[in-house]
């Protein structure tokens, strides 16, 4: 008999993927064909993962300093319309491996940022079709400018508020869309953490070998 756990035998993860799918079905695209196409692609890839009954593997849980803010972020998220998604997250909270993803993290950022992959090449739900995850920012965090080669990215704000490139403020329920190669810098509010979920779509080889590197942003005048 196989010792491999599959998605249908891990209902907490299956429910979470279904809720992720519904997020990308119900969120408005604001009239943008590109965002609507991205939302459809995310749904299609999640459907493929579920139909394939993907492997669910045990990843050793790991915290980072910023996860001291996680409870506050979840509590704030439960007050939003997407509270069911927050509750689904809480069921797998103890199985998350929070990490940095960079060989060198700028001074101070190691206490104010971390991400956890939910679905992707490094699991816990294993697939090369898509990457889904969470990112947590502490209050007064500046996440330096970076981009993703060959990857289309979207964030959904679950709690708190963030600004990207000083061009808008995104509150809970908002979607942020970053096409491949677009440089983006994120800042957070002064008094509350920000919790976002994200989706990466791209060729399997890009998803498996994405190099996360900060760019040196030009000085502001």
N, C-alpha and C. Protein backbone atom coordinates (compact mmCIF):
# COMPACT_ATOMS: atom_id res chain seq x y z
N UNK A 1 0.83 -1.20 0.00
CA UNK A 1 0.00 0.00 0.00
C UNK A 1 0.87 1.25 0.00
N UNK A 2 0.38 2.29 -0.67
CA UNK A 2 1.12 3.54 -0.72
C UNK A 2 0.91 4.35 0.55
N UNK A 3 2.00 4.97 1.00
CA UNK A 3 1.92 5.83 2.18
C UNK A 3 1.69 7.29 1.80
N UNK A 4 1.53 7.55 0.50
CA UNK A 4 1.35 8.93 0.04
C UNK A 4 -0.06 9.40 0.37
N UNK A 5 -0.17 10.55 0.98
CA UNK A 5 -1.47 11.17 1.27
C UNK A 5 -1.90 12.00 0.06
N UNK A 6 -3.14 11.84 -0.34
CA UNK A 6 -3.68 12.58 -1.46
C UNK A 6 -4.69 13.62 -0.98
N UNK A 7 -4.98 14.57 -1.84
CA UNK A 7 -5.82 15.70 -1.49
C UNK A 7 -7.18 15.26 -0.95
N UNK A 8 -7.78 14.24 -1.56
CA UNK A 8 -9.10 13.79 -1.12
C UNK A 8 -9.07 13.15 0.26
N UNK A 9 -7.87 12.81 0.73
CA UNK A 9 -7.73 12.26 2.08
C UNK A 9 -7.27 13.31 3.08
N UNK A 10 -7.19 14.55 2.62
CA UNK A 10 -6.75 15.67 3.47
C UNK A 10 -7.78 16.80 3.33
N UNK A 11 -8.97 16.62 3.91
CA UNK A 11 -10.07 17.56 3.67
C UNK A 11 -9.75 19.01 4.01
N UNK A 12 -8.91 19.26 5.01
CA UNK A 12 -8.60 20.65 5.35
C UNK A 12 -7.93 21.36 4.16
N UNK A 13 -7.03 20.66 3.49
CA UNK A 13 -6.36 21.24 2.33
C UNK A 13 -7.28 21.32 1.13
N UNK A 14 -8.14 20.32 0.96
CA UNK A 14 -9.09 20.37 -0.17
C UNK A 14 -10.06 21.52 0.00
N UNK A 15 -10.57 21.74 1.21
CA UNK A 15 -11.46 22.87 1.44
C UNK A 15 -10.75 24.19 1.17
N UNK A 16 -9.49 24.28 1.58
CA UNK A 16 -8.75 25.52 1.38
C UNK A 16 -8.59 25.82 -0.11
N UNK A 17 -8.28 24.80 -0.91
CA UNK A 17 -8.16 25.02 -2.35
C UNK A 17 -9.49 25.43 -2.97
N UNK A 18 -10.58 24.82 -2.50
CA UNK A 18 -11.90 25.20 -3.01
C UNK A 18 -12.21 26.66 -2.67
N UNK A 19 -11.84 27.07 -1.46
CA UNK A 19 -12.08 28.46 -1.07
C UNK A 19 -11.21 29.41 -1.87
N UNK A 20 -9.98 29.01 -2.18
CA UNK A 20 -9.10 29.81 -3.03
C UNK A 20 -9.74 29.97 -4.41
N UNK A 21 -10.26 28.88 -4.94
CA UNK A 21 -10.93 28.91 -6.24
C UNK A 21 -12.09 29.92 -6.22
N UNK A 22 -12.91 29.86 -5.17
CA UNK A 22 -14.06 30.75 -5.08
C UNK A 22 -13.63 32.21 -4.98
N UNK A 23 -12.54 32.47 -4.30
CA UNK A 23 -12.00 33.82 -4.24
C UNK A 23 -11.80 34.37 -5.66
N UNK A 24 -11.15 33.57 -6.49
CA UNK A 24 -10.82 34.02 -7.84
C UNK A 24 -12.02 33.96 -8.78
N UNK A 25 -13.08 33.34 -8.35
CA UNK A 25 -14.32 33.36 -9.15
C UNK A 25 -15.17 34.58 -8.81
N UNK A 26 -15.19 34.99 -7.56
CA UNK A 26 -16.11 36.03 -7.12
C UNK A 26 -15.53 37.44 -7.14
N UNK A 27 -14.22 37.56 -7.03
CA UNK A 27 -13.64 38.90 -7.01
C UNK A 27 -13.86 39.61 -8.34
N UNK A 28 -14.29 40.87 -8.33
CA UNK A 28 -14.46 41.59 -9.58
C UNK A 28 -13.13 41.89 -10.25
N UNK A 29 -13.15 41.97 -11.56
CA UNK A 29 -11.94 42.27 -12.33
C UNK A 29 -11.86 43.75 -12.68
N UNK A 30 -12.86 44.54 -12.28
CA UNK A 30 -12.81 45.97 -12.54
C UNK A 30 -12.80 46.33 -14.02
N UNK A 31 -13.35 45.45 -14.85
CA UNK A 31 -13.38 45.72 -16.28
C UNK A 31 -12.10 45.41 -17.01
N UNK A 32 -11.09 44.88 -16.30
CA UNK A 32 -9.80 44.59 -16.93
C UNK A 32 -9.79 43.20 -17.54
N UNK A 33 -9.59 43.13 -18.85
CA UNK A 33 -9.51 41.84 -19.52
C UNK A 33 -8.31 41.03 -19.03
N UNK A 34 -7.21 41.71 -18.75
CA UNK A 34 -6.00 41.00 -18.32
C UNK A 34 -6.20 40.38 -16.94
N UNK A 35 -6.83 41.12 -16.05
CA UNK A 35 -7.07 40.58 -14.71
C UNK A 35 -8.09 39.46 -14.78
N UNK A 36 -9.14 39.63 -15.58
CA UNK A 36 -10.15 38.59 -15.73
C UNK A 36 -9.52 37.31 -16.29
N UNK A 37 -8.63 37.45 -17.27
CA UNK A 37 -7.96 36.29 -17.85
C UNK A 37 -7.07 35.61 -16.81
N UNK A 38 -6.40 36.40 -15.99
CA UNK A 38 -5.56 35.83 -14.93
C UNK A 38 -6.41 35.08 -13.92
N UNK A 39 -7.53 35.65 -13.53
CA UNK A 39 -8.41 34.98 -12.57
C UNK A 39 -8.88 33.64 -13.13
N UNK A 40 -9.23 33.62 -14.39
CA UNK A 40 -9.68 32.38 -15.02
C UNK A 40 -8.55 31.35 -15.04
N UNK A 41 -7.33 31.81 -15.33
CA UNK A 41 -6.19 30.90 -15.37
C UNK A 41 -5.92 30.30 -13.99
N UNK A 42 -6.01 31.11 -12.95
CA UNK A 42 -5.82 30.61 -11.59
C UNK A 42 -6.86 29.53 -11.28
N UNK A 43 -8.11 29.80 -11.63
CA UNK A 43 -9.16 28.81 -11.38
C UNK A 43 -8.91 27.51 -12.15
N UNK A 44 -8.50 27.65 -13.40
CA UNK A 44 -8.23 26.46 -14.21
C UNK A 44 -7.12 25.62 -13.60
N UNK A 45 -6.07 26.28 -13.12
CA UNK A 45 -4.95 25.53 -12.56
C UNK A 45 -5.32 24.89 -11.23
N UNK A 46 -6.10 25.58 -10.42
CA UNK A 46 -6.56 24.97 -9.17
C UNK A 46 -7.43 23.75 -9.47
N UNK A 47 -8.28 23.86 -10.47
CA UNK A 47 -9.12 22.73 -10.87
C UNK A 47 -8.27 21.53 -11.29
N UNK A 48 -7.19 21.81 -12.01
CA UNK A 48 -6.30 20.72 -12.45
C UNK A 48 -5.66 20.03 -11.25
N UNK A 49 -5.25 20.82 -10.28
CA UNK A 49 -4.63 20.26 -9.07
C UNK A 49 -5.63 19.36 -8.35
N UNK A 50 -6.86 19.83 -8.24
CA UNK A 50 -7.87 19.06 -7.52
C UNK A 50 -8.26 17.80 -8.28
N UNK A 51 -8.43 17.90 -9.59
CA UNK A 51 -8.79 16.73 -10.38
C UNK A 51 -7.68 15.68 -10.38
N UNK A 52 -6.44 16.15 -10.29
CA UNK A 52 -5.31 15.22 -10.25
C UNK A 52 -5.15 14.57 -8.88
N UNK A 53 -5.95 15.01 -7.89
CA UNK A 53 -5.85 14.48 -6.52
C UNK A 53 -4.40 14.55 -6.04
N UNK A 54 -3.87 15.77 -6.06
CA UNK A 54 -2.45 16.01 -5.81
C UNK A 54 -1.99 15.45 -4.47
N UNK A 55 -0.70 15.17 -4.42
CA UNK A 55 -0.10 14.70 -3.18
C UNK A 55 -0.10 15.82 -2.14
N UNK A 56 -0.34 15.45 -0.90
CA UNK A 56 -0.21 16.37 0.23
C UNK A 56 0.87 15.80 1.14
N UNK A 57 1.95 16.53 1.28
CA UNK A 57 3.05 16.01 2.09
C UNK A 57 3.22 16.84 3.35
N UNK A 58 3.72 16.21 4.37
CA UNK A 58 3.98 16.89 5.64
C UNK A 58 5.25 17.70 5.51
N UNK A 59 5.12 19.00 5.65
CA UNK A 59 6.26 19.91 5.61
C UNK A 59 6.56 20.32 7.05
N UNK A 60 7.80 20.19 7.50
CA UNK A 60 8.11 20.59 8.88
C UNK A 60 7.70 22.04 9.12
N UNK A 61 6.82 22.30 10.06
CA UNK A 61 6.39 23.68 10.30
C UNK A 61 7.55 24.53 10.78
N UNK A 62 7.51 25.81 10.42
CA UNK A 62 8.56 26.74 10.83
C UNK A 62 7.97 28.13 10.97
N UNK A 63 8.39 28.82 12.01
CA UNK A 63 7.98 30.20 12.23
C UNK A 63 9.13 31.14 11.93
N UNK A 64 8.80 32.41 11.77
CA UNK A 64 9.76 33.50 11.67
C UNK A 64 9.32 34.57 12.66
N UNK A 65 10.18 35.54 12.96
CA UNK A 65 9.77 36.57 13.92
C UNK A 65 8.44 37.23 13.60
N UNK A 66 8.15 37.45 12.31
CA UNK A 66 6.91 38.15 11.95
C UNK A 66 5.67 37.34 12.30
N UNK A 67 5.79 36.02 12.46
CA UNK A 67 4.58 35.24 12.75
C UNK A 67 4.03 35.53 14.14
N UNK A 68 4.75 36.31 14.93
CA UNK A 68 4.18 36.81 16.19
C UNK A 68 2.98 37.72 15.92
N UNK A 69 2.88 38.24 14.68
CA UNK A 69 1.77 39.11 14.28
C UNK A 69 0.63 38.32 13.62
N UNK A 70 0.80 37.02 13.42
CA UNK A 70 -0.17 36.25 12.65
C UNK A 70 -1.54 36.21 13.31
N UNK A 71 -1.59 36.01 14.62
CA UNK A 71 -2.89 35.93 15.28
C UNK A 71 -3.68 37.21 15.10
N UNK A 72 -3.01 38.35 15.24
CA UNK A 72 -3.70 39.63 15.04
C UNK A 72 -4.22 39.73 13.61
N UNK A 73 -3.41 39.31 12.65
CA UNK A 73 -3.83 39.38 11.24
C UNK A 73 -5.04 38.48 10.99
N UNK A 74 -5.04 37.29 11.56
CA UNK A 74 -6.18 36.38 11.39
C UNK A 74 -7.43 36.92 12.08
N UNK A 75 -7.25 37.47 13.28
CA UNK A 75 -8.40 38.05 14.00
C UNK A 75 -9.04 39.16 13.19
N UNK A 76 -8.20 40.02 12.60
CA UNK A 76 -8.74 41.10 11.77
C UNK A 76 -9.43 40.55 10.53
N UNK A 77 -8.87 39.50 9.94
CA UNK A 77 -9.46 38.91 8.74
C UNK A 77 -10.81 38.28 8.99
N UNK A 78 -11.03 37.79 10.21
CA UNK A 78 -12.32 37.17 10.52
C UNK A 78 -13.46 38.19 10.53
N UNK A 79 -13.16 39.46 10.54
CA UNK A 79 -14.19 40.49 10.52
C UNK A 79 -14.59 40.89 9.10
N UNK A 80 -13.95 40.27 8.09
CA UNK A 80 -14.21 40.61 6.69
C UNK A 80 -15.16 39.60 6.05
N UNK A 81 -15.60 39.90 4.84
CA UNK A 81 -16.55 39.04 4.13
C UNK A 81 -15.94 37.67 3.82
N UNK A 82 -14.61 37.61 3.75
CA UNK A 82 -13.95 36.34 3.45
C UNK A 82 -13.58 35.58 4.71
N UNK A 83 -14.30 35.77 5.79
CA UNK A 83 -14.04 35.05 7.04
C UNK A 83 -13.96 33.53 6.84
N UNK A 84 -14.79 32.90 5.97
CA UNK A 84 -14.65 31.45 5.78
C UNK A 84 -13.26 31.04 5.29
N UNK A 85 -12.66 31.88 4.46
CA UNK A 85 -11.30 31.58 3.99
C UNK A 85 -10.31 31.65 5.15
N UNK A 86 -10.48 32.64 6.02
CA UNK A 86 -9.61 32.77 7.19
C UNK A 86 -9.75 31.53 8.08
N UNK A 87 -10.98 31.06 8.27
CA UNK A 87 -11.18 29.87 9.10
C UNK A 87 -10.53 28.65 8.46
N UNK A 88 -10.58 28.56 7.13
CA UNK A 88 -9.91 27.45 6.44
C UNK A 88 -8.40 27.52 6.65
N UNK A 89 -7.85 28.72 6.63
CA UNK A 89 -6.42 28.89 6.89
C UNK A 89 -6.06 28.43 8.30
N UNK A 90 -6.93 28.75 9.24
CA UNK A 90 -6.63 28.40 10.63
C UNK A 90 -6.55 26.90 10.84
N UNK A 91 -7.26 26.12 10.03
CA UNK A 91 -7.21 24.67 10.19
C UNK A 91 -5.85 24.08 9.79
N UNK A 92 -5.10 24.80 8.93
CA UNK A 92 -3.79 24.29 8.51
C UNK A 92 -2.65 25.13 9.07
N UNK A 93 -2.96 26.05 9.93
CA UNK A 93 -1.95 26.98 10.45
C UNK A 93 -0.73 26.27 11.03
N UNK A 94 -0.96 25.19 11.76
CA UNK A 94 0.14 24.47 12.40
C UNK A 94 0.98 23.65 11.44
N UNK A 95 0.63 23.65 10.14
CA UNK A 95 1.36 22.86 9.15
C UNK A 95 2.13 23.75 8.17
N UNK A 96 2.25 25.03 8.49
CA UNK A 96 2.88 25.97 7.56
C UNK A 96 4.35 26.17 7.87
N UNK A 97 5.16 26.23 6.82
CA UNK A 97 6.59 26.53 6.95
C UNK A 97 6.83 27.94 6.45
N UNK A 98 6.96 28.88 7.36
CA UNK A 98 7.21 30.28 7.01
C UNK A 98 8.69 30.44 6.66
N UNK A 99 8.96 31.19 5.60
CA UNK A 99 10.33 31.33 5.12
C UNK A 99 10.53 32.70 4.50
N UNK A 100 11.79 32.99 4.12
CA UNK A 100 12.11 34.28 3.51
C UNK A 100 12.19 34.21 1.99
N UNK A 101 12.81 33.14 1.46
CA UNK A 101 12.91 32.99 0.01
C UNK A 101 14.07 33.75 -0.62
N UNK A 102 14.87 34.43 0.18
CA UNK A 102 16.00 35.19 -0.33
C UNK A 102 17.26 34.72 0.38
N UNK A 103 18.38 34.66 -0.37
CA UNK A 103 19.64 34.29 0.25
C UNK A 103 20.09 35.37 1.23
N UNK A 104 19.83 36.62 0.89
CA UNK A 104 20.22 37.74 1.74
C UNK A 104 19.02 38.64 1.95
N UNK A 105 18.58 38.76 3.19
CA UNK A 105 17.42 39.58 3.51
C UNK A 105 17.92 40.93 4.05
N UNK A 106 17.40 42.05 3.51
CA UNK A 106 17.84 43.36 4.00
C UNK A 106 17.65 43.49 5.51
N UNK A 107 18.57 44.23 6.13
CA UNK A 107 18.52 44.39 7.57
C UNK A 107 17.17 44.94 8.03
N UNK A 108 16.60 44.31 9.02
CA UNK A 108 15.31 44.72 9.56
C UNK A 108 14.13 43.98 8.95
N UNK A 109 14.27 43.58 7.67
CA UNK A 109 13.15 42.91 7.01
C UNK A 109 12.92 41.52 7.59
N UNK A 110 13.97 40.90 8.15
CA UNK A 110 13.81 39.55 8.67
C UNK A 110 12.84 39.48 9.85
N UNK A 111 12.52 40.62 10.44
CA UNK A 111 11.55 40.66 11.54
C UNK A 111 10.17 41.12 11.08
N UNK A 112 10.05 41.49 9.81
CA UNK A 112 8.81 42.12 9.35
C UNK A 112 8.16 41.43 8.17
N UNK A 113 8.70 40.29 7.74
CA UNK A 113 8.18 39.64 6.53
C UNK A 113 8.46 38.15 6.58
N UNK A 114 7.54 37.37 6.03
CA UNK A 114 7.77 35.96 5.72
C UNK A 114 6.62 35.48 4.84
N UNK A 115 6.86 34.40 4.13
CA UNK A 115 5.79 33.81 3.32
C UNK A 115 5.72 32.31 3.60
N UNK A 116 4.57 31.74 3.27
CA UNK A 116 4.37 30.30 3.42
C UNK A 116 3.69 29.78 2.15
N UNK A 117 4.32 28.83 1.50
CA UNK A 117 3.72 28.22 0.31
C UNK A 117 2.65 27.23 0.75
N UNK A 118 1.49 27.32 0.14
CA UNK A 118 0.39 26.40 0.41
C UNK A 118 0.31 25.29 -0.63
N UNK A 119 0.57 25.66 -1.87
CA UNK A 119 0.40 24.74 -3.00
C UNK A 119 1.44 25.11 -4.04
N UNK A 120 2.25 24.13 -4.46
CA UNK A 120 3.29 24.41 -5.43
C UNK A 120 4.35 23.33 -5.40
N UNK A 121 5.50 23.59 -6.04
CA UNK A 121 6.55 22.57 -6.11
C UNK A 121 7.09 22.14 -4.75
N UNK A 122 7.05 23.03 -3.74
CA UNK A 122 7.54 22.65 -2.42
C UNK A 122 6.42 22.41 -1.42
N UNK A 123 5.18 22.27 -1.92
CA UNK A 123 4.06 21.84 -1.09
C UNK A 123 3.63 22.84 -0.05
N UNK A 124 2.83 22.35 0.92
CA UNK A 124 2.38 20.98 1.23
C UNK A 124 1.55 20.32 0.12
N UNK A 125 0.68 21.06 -0.58
CA UNK A 125 -0.01 20.47 -1.72
C UNK A 125 0.95 20.56 -2.90
N UNK A 126 1.36 19.41 -3.43
CA UNK A 126 2.47 19.37 -4.39
C UNK A 126 1.96 19.42 -5.82
N UNK A 127 2.45 20.41 -6.57
CA UNK A 127 2.08 20.54 -7.98
C UNK A 127 3.08 21.43 -8.68
N UNK A 128 3.20 21.27 -10.00
CA UNK A 128 3.99 22.21 -10.79
C UNK A 128 3.09 23.08 -11.66
N UNK A 129 1.77 23.06 -11.39
CA UNK A 129 0.79 23.79 -12.19
C UNK A 129 0.68 25.26 -11.77
N UNK A 130 0.86 25.54 -10.47
CA UNK A 130 0.58 26.86 -9.92
C UNK A 130 1.25 26.95 -8.56
N UNK A 131 1.49 28.17 -8.09
CA UNK A 131 1.93 28.37 -6.71
C UNK A 131 0.91 29.26 -6.01
N UNK A 132 0.42 28.78 -4.88
CA UNK A 132 -0.48 29.55 -4.03
C UNK A 132 0.18 29.67 -2.65
N UNK A 133 0.04 30.82 -2.03
CA UNK A 133 0.67 30.98 -0.74
C UNK A 133 0.15 32.15 0.05
N UNK A 134 0.79 32.40 1.17
CA UNK A 134 0.47 33.51 2.05
C UNK A 134 1.72 34.35 2.25
N UNK A 135 1.54 35.65 2.44
CA UNK A 135 2.64 36.51 2.83
C UNK A 135 2.15 37.39 3.97
N UNK A 136 2.99 37.51 4.98
CA UNK A 136 2.64 38.27 6.18
C UNK A 136 3.64 39.39 6.37
N UNK A 137 3.12 40.61 6.57
CA UNK A 137 3.95 41.78 6.81
C UNK A 137 3.60 42.37 8.18
N UNK A 138 4.61 42.77 8.92
CA UNK A 138 4.40 43.48 10.18
C UNK A 138 4.01 44.93 9.90
N UNK A 139 3.49 45.65 10.89
CA UNK A 139 3.24 47.08 10.70
C UNK A 139 4.54 47.81 10.33
N UNK A 140 4.39 48.90 9.61
CA UNK A 140 5.51 49.76 9.20
C UNK A 140 6.59 48.98 8.45
N UNK A 141 6.15 48.08 7.58
CA UNK A 141 7.10 47.29 6.79
C UNK A 141 7.24 47.90 5.39
N UNK A 142 8.45 47.96 4.91
CA UNK A 142 8.71 48.28 3.51
C UNK A 142 9.35 47.06 2.87
N UNK A 143 8.63 46.47 1.93
CA UNK A 143 9.11 45.29 1.21
C UNK A 143 9.75 45.79 -0.08
N UNK A 144 11.06 45.68 -0.22
CA UNK A 144 11.76 46.35 -1.32
C UNK A 144 11.28 45.92 -2.71
N UNK A 145 11.61 46.76 -3.67
CA UNK A 145 11.20 46.53 -5.05
C UNK A 145 11.78 45.21 -5.57
N UNK A 146 10.95 44.46 -6.27
CA UNK A 146 11.35 43.18 -6.84
C UNK A 146 10.41 42.87 -8.00
N UNK A 147 10.76 41.88 -8.79
CA UNK A 147 9.90 41.45 -9.89
C UNK A 147 10.09 39.95 -10.07
N UNK A 148 9.24 39.36 -10.90
CA UNK A 148 9.28 37.91 -11.12
C UNK A 148 9.33 37.65 -12.63
N UNK A 149 10.43 37.10 -13.07
CA UNK A 149 10.60 36.83 -14.49
C UNK A 149 9.71 35.67 -14.92
N UNK A 150 8.87 35.91 -15.93
CA UNK A 150 8.03 34.86 -16.49
C UNK A 150 6.86 34.44 -15.62
N UNK A 151 6.61 35.15 -14.52
CA UNK A 151 5.55 34.80 -13.59
C UNK A 151 4.51 35.91 -13.54
N UNK A 152 3.25 35.56 -13.71
CA UNK A 152 2.15 36.50 -13.46
C UNK A 152 1.69 36.30 -12.03
N UNK A 153 1.63 37.39 -11.28
CA UNK A 153 1.36 37.33 -9.85
C UNK A 153 0.14 38.16 -9.49
N UNK A 154 -0.61 37.66 -8.54
CA UNK A 154 -1.67 38.48 -7.95
C UNK A 154 -1.67 38.25 -6.45
N UNK A 155 -1.96 39.31 -5.72
CA UNK A 155 -2.18 39.26 -4.28
C UNK A 155 -3.65 39.54 -4.00
N UNK A 156 -4.19 38.94 -2.97
CA UNK A 156 -5.48 39.34 -2.42
C UNK A 156 -5.24 39.72 -0.97
N UNK A 157 -5.63 40.93 -0.61
CA UNK A 157 -5.44 41.40 0.76
C UNK A 157 -6.49 40.75 1.65
N UNK A 158 -6.03 40.04 2.68
CA UNK A 158 -6.93 39.35 3.61
C UNK A 158 -7.19 40.18 4.87
N UNK A 159 -6.18 40.92 5.32
CA UNK A 159 -6.37 41.81 6.46
C UNK A 159 -5.28 42.86 6.45
N UNK A 160 -5.56 43.98 7.13
CA UNK A 160 -4.63 45.10 7.08
C UNK A 160 -4.81 45.89 5.81
N UNK A 161 -3.80 46.68 5.47
CA UNK A 161 -3.83 47.49 4.25
C UNK A 161 -2.41 47.65 3.75
N UNK A 162 -2.24 47.63 2.43
CA UNK A 162 -0.92 47.81 1.83
C UNK A 162 -1.01 48.80 0.68
N UNK A 163 0.14 49.38 0.36
CA UNK A 163 0.27 50.22 -0.82
C UNK A 163 1.33 49.60 -1.71
N UNK A 164 1.11 49.62 -3.02
CA UNK A 164 2.12 49.12 -3.95
C UNK A 164 2.58 50.26 -4.84
N UNK A 165 3.88 50.50 -4.84
CA UNK A 165 4.49 51.54 -5.66
C UNK A 165 3.88 52.92 -5.43
N UNK A 166 3.34 53.16 -4.22
CA UNK A 166 2.74 54.44 -3.87
C UNK A 166 1.60 54.83 -4.82
N UNK A 167 0.96 53.83 -5.46
CA UNK A 167 -0.04 54.13 -6.48
C UNK A 167 -1.46 53.75 -6.07
N UNK A 168 -1.63 53.33 -4.85
CA UNK A 168 -2.97 52.98 -4.38
C UNK A 168 -2.87 52.28 -3.05
N UNK A 169 -3.98 52.28 -2.33
CA UNK A 169 -4.06 51.58 -1.05
C UNK A 169 -5.04 50.43 -1.21
N UNK A 170 -4.61 49.25 -0.83
CA UNK A 170 -5.41 48.04 -1.01
C UNK A 170 -5.84 47.52 0.36
N UNK A 171 -7.14 47.53 0.58
CA UNK A 171 -7.73 47.08 1.84
C UNK A 171 -8.24 45.65 1.67
N UNK A 172 -8.73 45.01 2.74
CA UNK A 172 -9.18 43.62 2.64
C UNK A 172 -10.20 43.40 1.52
N UNK A 173 -9.97 42.35 0.76
CA UNK A 173 -10.82 42.02 -0.38
C UNK A 173 -10.30 42.55 -1.70
N UNK A 174 -9.25 43.38 -1.66
CA UNK A 174 -8.69 43.94 -2.89
C UNK A 174 -7.73 42.96 -3.55
N UNK A 175 -7.66 43.04 -4.88
CA UNK A 175 -6.72 42.24 -5.66
C UNK A 175 -5.67 43.16 -6.27
N UNK A 176 -4.40 42.75 -6.17
CA UNK A 176 -3.28 43.46 -6.78
C UNK A 176 -2.71 42.57 -7.87
N UNK A 177 -2.56 43.12 -9.06
CA UNK A 177 -2.12 42.34 -10.22
C UNK A 177 -0.75 42.83 -10.68
N UNK A 178 0.20 41.89 -10.81
CA UNK A 178 1.55 42.22 -11.28
C UNK A 178 1.91 41.32 -12.46
N UNK A 179 1.93 41.85 -13.67
CA UNK A 179 2.34 41.04 -14.82
C UNK A 179 3.82 40.70 -14.74
N UNK A 180 4.30 39.75 -15.54
CA UNK A 180 5.71 39.34 -15.48
C UNK A 180 6.66 40.52 -15.65
N UNK A 181 7.68 40.55 -14.80
CA UNK A 181 8.71 41.57 -14.92
C UNK A 181 8.37 42.92 -14.32
N UNK A 182 7.17 43.10 -13.83
CA UNK A 182 6.80 44.41 -13.28
C UNK A 182 7.42 44.61 -11.90
N UNK A 183 8.18 45.68 -11.76
CA UNK A 183 8.81 45.99 -10.50
C UNK A 183 7.76 46.49 -9.51
N UNK A 184 7.72 45.92 -8.31
CA UNK A 184 6.74 46.36 -7.33
C UNK A 184 7.34 46.39 -5.93
N UNK A 185 6.94 47.40 -5.19
CA UNK A 185 7.42 47.67 -3.83
C UNK A 185 6.19 47.83 -2.95
N UNK A 186 6.20 47.21 -1.78
CA UNK A 186 5.01 47.18 -0.93
C UNK A 186 5.31 47.83 0.41
N UNK A 187 4.38 48.64 0.88
CA UNK A 187 4.48 49.23 2.21
C UNK A 187 3.19 48.92 2.97
N UNK A 188 3.31 48.86 4.31
CA UNK A 188 2.15 48.51 5.14
C UNK A 188 1.84 49.64 6.12
N UNK A 189 0.66 49.54 6.71
CA UNK A 189 0.17 50.57 7.62
C UNK A 189 0.96 50.59 8.93
N UNK A 190 0.74 51.63 9.72
CA UNK A 190 1.55 51.85 10.92
C UNK A 190 1.20 50.95 12.09
N UNK A 191 -0.07 50.54 12.21
CA UNK A 191 -0.50 49.94 13.47
C UNK A 191 -1.06 48.53 13.37
N UNK A 192 -1.16 47.98 12.16
CA UNK A 192 -1.67 46.62 12.02
C UNK A 192 -0.85 45.84 11.00
N UNK A 193 -0.70 44.54 11.20
CA UNK A 193 -0.04 43.72 10.19
C UNK A 193 -0.93 43.57 8.96
N UNK A 194 -0.34 43.09 7.90
CA UNK A 194 -1.09 42.81 6.67
C UNK A 194 -0.86 41.36 6.28
N UNK A 195 -1.93 40.65 6.03
CA UNK A 195 -1.88 39.27 5.57
C UNK A 195 -2.47 39.21 4.17
N UNK A 196 -1.72 38.67 3.23
CA UNK A 196 -2.18 38.54 1.85
C UNK A 196 -2.02 37.09 1.41
N UNK A 197 -2.91 36.65 0.53
CA UNK A 197 -2.66 35.40 -0.19
C UNK A 197 -2.22 35.77 -1.59
N UNK A 198 -1.54 34.86 -2.25
CA UNK A 198 -1.04 35.17 -3.59
C UNK A 198 -1.15 33.96 -4.49
N UNK A 199 -1.15 34.23 -5.78
CA UNK A 199 -1.13 33.18 -6.81
C UNK A 199 -0.08 33.54 -7.84
N UNK A 200 0.74 32.56 -8.18
CA UNK A 200 1.72 32.70 -9.26
C UNK A 200 1.34 31.74 -10.38
N UNK A 201 1.29 32.26 -11.59
CA UNK A 201 1.00 31.45 -12.77
C UNK A 201 2.13 31.64 -13.77
N UNK A 202 2.60 30.54 -14.33
CA UNK A 202 3.67 30.61 -15.32
C UNK A 202 4.08 29.22 -15.74
N UNK A 203 5.07 29.11 -16.63
CA UNK A 203 5.55 27.79 -17.05
C UNK A 203 6.10 27.02 -15.85
N UNK A 204 5.93 25.70 -15.84
CA UNK A 204 6.40 24.90 -14.70
C UNK A 204 7.86 25.13 -14.36
N UNK A 205 8.71 25.30 -15.39
CA UNK A 205 10.14 25.49 -15.10
C UNK A 205 10.40 26.83 -14.41
N UNK A 206 9.57 27.84 -14.71
CA UNK A 206 9.71 29.13 -14.03
C UNK A 206 9.22 29.02 -12.58
N UNK A 207 8.12 28.32 -12.38
CA UNK A 207 7.60 28.17 -11.02
C UNK A 207 8.57 27.39 -10.14
N UNK A 208 9.24 26.41 -10.73
CA UNK A 208 10.13 25.56 -9.94
C UNK A 208 11.47 26.22 -9.66
N UNK A 209 11.87 27.18 -10.48
CA UNK A 209 13.22 27.74 -10.36
C UNK A 209 13.22 29.26 -10.29
N UNK A 210 12.17 29.82 -9.75
CA UNK A 210 12.09 31.27 -9.66
C UNK A 210 13.16 31.81 -8.70
N UNK A 211 13.94 32.76 -9.19
CA UNK A 211 14.96 33.41 -8.37
C UNK A 211 14.36 34.68 -7.78
N UNK A 212 14.31 34.74 -6.47
CA UNK A 212 13.74 35.90 -5.79
C UNK A 212 14.88 36.84 -5.42
N UNK A 213 14.92 37.99 -6.09
CA UNK A 213 16.00 38.95 -5.91
C UNK A 213 15.40 40.34 -5.78
N UNK A 214 15.86 41.09 -4.81
CA UNK A 214 15.44 42.48 -4.68
C UNK A 214 16.20 43.33 -5.68
N UNK A 215 15.51 44.33 -6.21
CA UNK A 215 16.13 45.28 -7.13
C UNK A 215 16.46 46.55 -6.36
N UNK A 216 17.48 47.22 -6.80
CA UNK A 216 17.84 48.49 -6.18
C UNK A 216 16.97 49.58 -6.78
N UNK A 217 16.05 50.10 -5.98
CA UNK A 217 15.13 51.12 -6.47
C UNK A 217 15.82 52.46 -6.56
N UNK A 218 15.45 53.29 -7.55
CA UNK A 218 16.04 54.62 -7.64
C UNK A 218 15.62 55.47 -6.45
N UNK A 219 16.51 56.38 -6.06
CA UNK A 219 16.20 57.25 -4.95
C UNK A 219 15.07 58.21 -5.33
N UNK A 220 14.22 58.46 -4.37
CA UNK A 220 13.12 59.37 -4.61
C UNK A 220 13.58 60.80 -4.38
N UNK A 221 13.09 61.69 -5.23
CA UNK A 221 13.47 63.09 -5.08
C UNK A 221 12.69 63.80 -4.00
